[in-house]
Amino acid sequence: MNIINKTKTRATVFYKGSYYIVSESQRRGLETLIFKGTSDGKITDYSECGGGYDLTLDEVLANFDNMLH
């Protein structure tokens, strides 16, 4: 897993030939979700493909391969 770009609440990741966007939100409580995306950080499919509730961005990135559905 390679982190292409990272801010406080969002990261673009390259993993096994695909790009993913990891986004942390606290709108409905803490949740960090993974979406398919592009190398420049755009989400291409808003169906979540990983992540979870009560997890920070750093926690999801640290365990990325196990966080994908």
N, C-alpha and C. Protein backbone atom coordinates (compact mmCIF):
# COMPACT_ATOMS: atom_id res chain seq x y z
N MET A 1 0.84 -1.16 0.00
CA MET A 1 0.00 0.00 0.00
C MET A 1 0.89 1.23 0.00
N ASN A 2 0.62 2.13 -0.95
CA ASN A 2 1.34 3.40 -1.03
C ASN A 2 0.37 4.54 -0.82
N ILE A 3 0.71 5.45 0.09
CA ILE A 3 -0.08 6.65 0.30
C ILE A 3 0.40 7.69 -0.70
N ILE A 4 -0.48 8.12 -1.59
CA ILE A 4 -0.15 9.08 -2.63
C ILE A 4 -0.25 10.51 -2.10
N ASN A 5 -1.31 10.77 -1.33
CA ASN A 5 -1.55 12.10 -0.77
C ASN A 5 -2.33 11.92 0.53
N LYS A 6 -2.05 12.78 1.52
CA LYS A 6 -2.76 12.66 2.80
C LYS A 6 -2.95 14.03 3.42
N THR A 7 -4.18 14.27 3.87
CA THR A 7 -4.50 15.45 4.67
C THR A 7 -4.95 14.95 6.04
N LYS A 8 -5.48 15.84 6.85
CA LYS A 8 -5.94 15.45 8.19
C LYS A 8 -7.09 14.43 8.15
N THR A 9 -7.95 14.53 7.14
CA THR A 9 -9.15 13.69 7.11
C THR A 9 -9.33 12.87 5.83
N ARG A 10 -8.33 12.88 4.95
CA ARG A 10 -8.51 12.18 3.67
C ARG A 10 -7.15 11.73 3.13
N ALA A 11 -7.16 10.56 2.48
CA ALA A 11 -5.93 10.05 1.86
C ALA A 11 -6.26 9.37 0.55
N THR A 12 -5.32 9.47 -0.39
CA THR A 12 -5.39 8.73 -1.64
C THR A 12 -4.35 7.62 -1.54
N VAL A 13 -4.78 6.40 -1.79
CA VAL A 13 -3.94 5.21 -1.60
C VAL A 13 -3.88 4.41 -2.90
N PHE A 14 -2.71 3.88 -3.22
CA PHE A 14 -2.55 2.93 -4.32
C PHE A 14 -2.28 1.57 -3.72
N TYR A 15 -3.13 0.59 -4.05
CA TYR A 15 -3.04 -0.74 -3.45
C TYR A 15 -3.43 -1.79 -4.48
N LYS A 16 -2.52 -2.71 -4.74
CA LYS A 16 -2.76 -3.83 -5.66
C LYS A 16 -3.36 -3.37 -6.99
N GLY A 17 -2.76 -2.34 -7.58
CA GLY A 17 -3.17 -1.90 -8.91
C GLY A 17 -4.37 -0.98 -8.98
N SER A 18 -4.92 -0.60 -7.84
CA SER A 18 -6.10 0.28 -7.83
C SER A 18 -5.88 1.46 -6.88
N TYR A 19 -6.61 2.54 -7.16
CA TYR A 19 -6.57 3.71 -6.28
C TYR A 19 -7.81 3.72 -5.40
N TYR A 20 -7.60 4.14 -4.15
CA TYR A 20 -8.68 4.24 -3.18
C TYR A 20 -8.61 5.58 -2.47
N ILE A 21 -9.77 6.10 -2.08
CA ILE A 21 -9.86 7.30 -1.28
C ILE A 21 -10.35 6.88 0.10
N VAL A 22 -9.60 7.27 1.11
CA VAL A 22 -9.95 6.97 2.50
C VAL A 22 -10.38 8.29 3.13
N SER A 23 -11.61 8.33 3.64
CA SER A 23 -12.17 9.59 4.12
C SER A 23 -12.70 9.44 5.54
N GLU A 24 -12.22 10.31 6.43
CA GLU A 24 -12.69 10.34 7.82
C GLU A 24 -13.74 11.42 7.97
N SER A 25 -14.83 11.09 8.65
CA SER A 25 -15.92 12.04 8.87
C SER A 25 -16.41 11.91 10.30
N GLN A 26 -16.90 13.03 10.84
CA GLN A 26 -17.49 12.99 12.18
C GLN A 26 -18.91 13.54 12.17
N ARG A 27 -19.55 13.51 11.00
CA ARG A 27 -20.92 14.01 10.89
C ARG A 27 -21.91 13.21 11.73
N ARG A 28 -21.80 11.90 11.69
CA ARG A 28 -22.71 11.02 12.43
C ARG A 28 -21.92 10.19 13.43
N GLY A 29 -20.93 10.78 14.08
CA GLY A 29 -19.99 10.04 14.90
C GLY A 29 -18.79 9.70 14.04
N LEU A 30 -17.73 9.30 14.64
CA LEU A 30 -16.51 9.03 13.90
C LEU A 30 -16.66 7.81 13.00
N GLU A 31 -16.37 8.00 11.72
CA GLU A 31 -16.33 6.89 10.78
C GLU A 31 -15.30 7.22 9.70
N THR A 32 -14.60 6.20 9.26
CA THR A 32 -13.63 6.36 8.18
C THR A 32 -13.93 5.29 7.15
N LEU A 33 -14.22 5.74 5.93
CA LEU A 33 -14.66 4.82 4.88
C LEU A 33 -13.69 4.84 3.71
N ILE A 34 -13.67 3.74 2.97
CA ILE A 34 -12.81 3.58 1.80
C ILE A 34 -13.69 3.50 0.56
N PHE A 35 -13.31 4.28 -0.47
CA PHE A 35 -14.03 4.30 -1.74
C PHE A 35 -13.04 4.09 -2.88
N LYS A 36 -13.50 3.56 -4.00
CA LYS A 36 -12.66 3.47 -5.19
C LYS A 36 -12.49 4.88 -5.76
N GLY A 37 -11.28 5.15 -6.28
CA GLY A 37 -11.03 6.50 -6.77
C GLY A 37 -9.97 6.56 -7.84
N THR A 38 -9.47 7.78 -8.07
CA THR A 38 -8.45 8.04 -9.08
C THR A 38 -7.16 8.51 -8.40
N SER A 39 -6.10 8.57 -9.17
CA SER A 39 -4.81 8.97 -8.62
C SER A 39 -4.80 10.41 -8.13
N ASP A 40 -5.72 11.24 -8.63
CA ASP A 40 -5.78 12.63 -8.18
C ASP A 40 -6.81 12.86 -7.08
N GLY A 41 -7.30 11.78 -6.47
CA GLY A 41 -8.13 11.89 -5.28
C GLY A 41 -9.62 12.03 -5.49
N LYS A 42 -10.10 11.75 -6.69
CA LYS A 42 -11.53 11.83 -6.95
C LYS A 42 -12.18 10.47 -6.70
N ILE A 43 -13.30 10.46 -6.02
CA ILE A 43 -14.05 9.23 -5.79
C ILE A 43 -14.80 8.87 -7.06
N THR A 44 -14.66 7.62 -7.52
CA THR A 44 -15.34 7.17 -8.74
C THR A 44 -16.56 6.31 -8.44
N ASP A 45 -16.64 5.79 -7.22
CA ASP A 45 -17.76 4.94 -6.83
C ASP A 45 -18.04 5.19 -5.36
N TYR A 46 -19.23 5.74 -5.07
CA TYR A 46 -19.56 6.08 -3.69
C TYR A 46 -20.07 4.90 -2.87
N SER A 47 -20.03 3.70 -3.42
CA SER A 47 -20.33 2.51 -2.63
C SER A 47 -19.08 2.20 -1.81
N GLU A 48 -19.21 2.24 -0.51
CA GLU A 48 -18.02 2.01 0.32
C GLU A 48 -17.49 0.60 0.11
N CYS A 49 -16.18 0.49 0.09
CA CYS A 49 -15.57 -0.84 -0.07
C CYS A 49 -14.65 -1.17 1.10
N GLY A 50 -14.85 -0.46 2.21
CA GLY A 50 -14.06 -0.75 3.40
C GLY A 50 -14.17 0.35 4.43
N GLY A 51 -13.43 0.16 5.52
CA GLY A 51 -13.43 1.11 6.62
C GLY A 51 -14.41 0.69 7.69
N GLY A 52 -14.80 1.67 8.54
CA GLY A 52 -15.74 1.35 9.59
C GLY A 52 -15.97 2.50 10.54
N TYR A 53 -16.77 2.24 11.57
CA TYR A 53 -17.12 3.23 12.58
C TYR A 53 -16.12 3.22 13.72
N ASP A 54 -16.01 4.35 14.39
CA ASP A 54 -15.10 4.52 15.53
C ASP A 54 -13.65 4.25 15.16
N LEU A 55 -13.28 4.55 13.92
CA LEU A 55 -11.91 4.38 13.44
C LEU A 55 -11.42 5.69 12.85
N THR A 56 -10.17 6.06 13.17
CA THR A 56 -9.58 7.26 12.58
C THR A 56 -8.96 6.93 11.23
N LEU A 57 -8.63 7.97 10.49
CA LEU A 57 -7.94 7.80 9.22
C LEU A 57 -6.65 7.03 9.41
N ASP A 58 -5.87 7.40 10.42
CA ASP A 58 -4.60 6.72 10.66
C ASP A 58 -4.77 5.25 11.02
N GLU A 59 -5.82 4.91 11.75
CA GLU A 59 -6.07 3.51 12.09
C GLU A 59 -6.42 2.69 10.85
N VAL A 60 -7.23 3.25 9.97
CA VAL A 60 -7.59 2.53 8.74
C VAL A 60 -6.36 2.37 7.85
N LEU A 61 -5.56 3.42 7.72
CA LEU A 61 -4.36 3.32 6.89
C LEU A 61 -3.37 2.31 7.45
N ALA A 62 -3.25 2.23 8.76
CA ALA A 62 -2.30 1.31 9.38
C ALA A 62 -2.68 -0.15 9.17
N ASN A 63 -3.96 -0.40 8.90
CA ASN A 63 -4.45 -1.77 8.74
C ASN A 63 -5.26 -1.89 7.45
N PHE A 64 -4.79 -1.20 6.40
CA PHE A 64 -5.57 -1.04 5.17
C PHE A 64 -6.01 -2.35 4.55
N ASP A 65 -5.11 -3.30 4.39
CA ASP A 65 -5.47 -4.55 3.71
C ASP A 65 -6.58 -5.31 4.43
N ASN A 66 -6.67 -5.20 5.74
CA ASN A 66 -7.73 -5.86 6.49
C ASN A 66 -9.02 -5.04 6.54
N MET A 67 -8.94 -3.79 6.16
CA MET A 67 -10.10 -2.91 6.19
C MET A 67 -10.95 -2.98 4.93
N LEU A 68 -10.41 -3.51 3.85
CA LEU A 68 -11.19 -3.64 2.61
C LEU A 68 -12.22 -4.76 2.74
N HIS A 69 -13.40 -4.55 2.19
CA HIS A 69 -14.45 -5.60 2.20
C HIS A 69 -14.22 -6.52 1.02
